[in-house]
Amino acid sequence: MPPELEGRPFLGMALLYHLTHFLSVAFPGRLTQFPRSPVSEIAAAAQDVCAWTWERLAGRLLRTRTQLDVESI
């Protein structure tokens, strides 16, 4: 956190950071300037997330969990 904001409420920007961090992990390479991504990059990645269906998301999570289980053996 920037020194001038230490000890002050910073919820709004913290939420934006966590959102953009999630997008950078969920869509590697999409936020090319993370953590200083322009709004256009954030909007495009967010639009893709909002287009996910529950079935697709659950399938991705299941595949990831299965891969992790296999790798740990």
C-alpha atoms as a PDB file:
ATOM      1  CA  MET A   1       0.000   0.000   0.000  1.00  0.00           C
ATOM      2  CA  PRO A   2       1.327   3.470  -0.754  1.00  0.00           C
ATOM      3  CA  PRO A   3       2.726   5.124   2.396  1.00  0.00           C
ATOM      4  CA  GLU A   4       0.324   8.077   2.145  1.00  0.00           C
ATOM      5  CA  LEU A   5      -2.639   5.674   2.516  1.00  0.00           C
ATOM      6  CA  GLU A   6      -1.328   3.609   5.427  1.00  0.00           C
ATOM      7  CA  GLY A   7      -3.760   3.539   8.331  1.00  0.00           C
ATOM      8  CA  ARG A   8      -6.645   4.919   6.237  1.00  0.00           C
ATOM      9  CA  PRO A   9      -9.670   3.067   4.834  1.00  0.00           C
ATOM     10  CA  PHE A  10      -8.710   1.658   1.468  1.00  0.00           C
ATOM     11  CA  LEU A  11     -11.482  -0.813   0.680  1.00  0.00           C
ATOM     12  CA  GLY A  12     -12.357   0.465  -2.805  1.00  0.00           C
ATOM     13  CA  MET A  13      -8.891   0.115  -4.262  1.00  0.00           C
ATOM     14  CA  ALA A  14      -8.246  -3.122  -2.380  1.00  0.00           C
ATOM     15  CA  LEU A  15     -11.314  -4.646  -4.004  1.00  0.00           C
ATOM     16  CA  LEU A  16     -10.138  -3.489  -7.440  1.00  0.00           C
ATOM     17  CA  TYR A  17      -6.710  -5.015  -6.814  1.00  0.00           C
ATOM     18  CA  HIS A  18      -8.191  -8.372  -5.778  1.00  0.00           C
ATOM     19  CA  LEU A  19     -10.479  -8.387  -8.809  1.00  0.00           C
ATOM     20  CA  THR A  20      -7.644  -7.614 -11.213  1.00  0.00           C
ATOM     21  CA  HIS A  21      -5.383 -10.146  -9.504  1.00  0.00           C
ATOM     22  CA  PHE A  22      -8.052 -12.831  -9.927  1.00  0.00           C
ATOM     23  CA  LEU A  23      -8.420 -11.913 -13.604  1.00  0.00           C
ATOM     24  CA  SER A  24      -4.649 -12.082 -14.099  1.00  0.00           C
ATOM     25  CA  VAL A  25      -4.629 -15.607 -12.629  1.00  0.00           C
ATOM     26  CA  ALA A  26      -7.813 -16.817 -14.343  1.00  0.00           C
ATOM     27  CA  PHE A  27      -6.756 -15.404 -17.724  1.00  0.00           C
ATOM     28  CA  PRO A  28      -2.963 -15.541 -17.863  1.00  0.00           C
ATOM     29  CA  GLY A  29      -1.601 -13.039 -20.353  1.00  0.00           C
ATOM     30  CA  ARG A  30      -4.834 -11.040 -20.671  1.00  0.00           C
ATOM     31  CA  LEU A  31      -3.874  -8.259 -18.264  1.00  0.00           C
ATOM     32  CA  THR A  32      -0.561  -7.481 -19.909  1.00  0.00           C
ATOM     33  CA  GLN A  33       0.135  -4.443 -17.737  1.00  0.00           C
ATOM     34  CA  PHE A  34      -1.004  -5.885 -14.387  1.00  0.00           C
ATOM     35  CA  PRO A  35      -1.125  -4.389 -11.787  1.00  0.00           C
ATOM     36  CA  ARG A  36      -1.495  -1.188 -13.832  1.00  0.00           C
ATOM     37  CA  SER A  37      -3.859  -2.607 -16.454  1.00  0.00           C
ATOM     38  CA  PRO A  38      -6.004  -0.140 -18.382  1.00  0.00           C
ATOM     39  CA  VAL A  39      -9.747  -0.286 -17.839  1.00  0.00           C
ATOM     40  CA  SER A  40     -10.209  -1.684 -21.373  1.00  0.00           C
ATOM     41  CA  GLU A  41      -8.170  -4.812 -20.493  1.00  0.00           C
ATOM     42  CA  ILE A  42      -9.989  -5.272 -17.197  1.00  0.00           C
ATOM     43  CA  ALA A  43     -13.376  -4.867 -18.901  1.00  0.00           C
ATOM     44  CA  ALA A  44     -12.555  -7.407 -21.629  1.00  0.00           C
ATOM     45  CA  ALA A  45     -11.364 -10.031 -19.128  1.00  0.00           C
ATOM     46  CA  ALA A  46     -14.347  -9.363 -16.835  1.00  0.00           C
ATOM     47  CA  GLN A  47     -16.704  -9.789 -19.778  1.00  0.00           C
ATOM     48  CA  ASP A  48     -15.196 -13.231 -20.420  1.00  0.00           C
ATOM     49  CA  VAL A  49     -15.644 -14.212 -16.758  1.00  0.00           C
ATOM     50  CA  CYS A  50     -19.264 -13.069 -16.785  1.00  0.00           C
ATOM     51  CA  ALA A  51     -19.882 -15.262 -19.848  1.00  0.00           C
ATOM     52  CA  TRP A  52     -18.836 -18.453 -18.018  1.00  0.00           C
ATOM     53  CA  THR A  53     -21.635 -20.891 -17.293  1.00  0.00           C
ATOM     54  CA  TRP A  54     -21.723 -22.725 -13.981  1.00  0.00           C
ATOM     55  CA  GLU A  55     -21.172 -26.026 -15.798  1.00  0.00           C
ATOM     56  CA  ARG A  56     -18.033 -24.723 -17.503  1.00  0.00           C
ATOM     57  CA  LEU A  57     -16.649 -23.308 -14.261  1.00  0.00           C
ATOM     58  CA  ALA A  58     -17.384 -26.484 -12.297  1.00  0.00           C
ATOM     59  CA  GLY A  59     -15.784 -28.557 -15.062  1.00  0.00           C
ATOM     60  CA  ARG A  60     -12.636 -26.437 -14.985  1.00  0.00           C
ATOM     61  CA  LEU A  61     -12.410 -26.681 -11.207  1.00  0.00           C
ATOM     62  CA  LEU A  62     -12.943 -30.438 -11.289  1.00  0.00           C
ATOM     63  CA  ARG A  63     -10.257 -30.930 -13.963  1.00  0.00           C
ATOM     64  CA  THR A  64      -7.827 -28.763 -12.000  1.00  0.00           C
ATOM     65  CA  ARG A  65      -8.536 -30.652  -8.766  1.00  0.00           C
ATOM     66  CA  THR A  66      -8.120 -33.999 -10.535  1.00  0.00           C
ATOM     67  CA  GLN A  67      -4.802 -32.881 -12.034  1.00  0.00           C
ATOM     68  CA  LEU A  68      -3.586 -31.787  -8.607  1.00  0.00           C
ATOM     69  CA  ASP A  69      -4.613 -35.128  -7.081  1.00  0.00           C
ATOM     70  CA  VAL A  70      -2.751 -37.067  -9.778  1.00  0.00           C
ATOM     71  CA  GLU A  71       0.360 -34.884  -9.447  1.00  0.00           C
ATOM     72  CA  SER A  72       0.494 -35.411  -5.686  1.00  0.00           C
ATOM     73  CA  ILE A  73       0.674 -39.216  -6.011  1.00  0.00           C
END
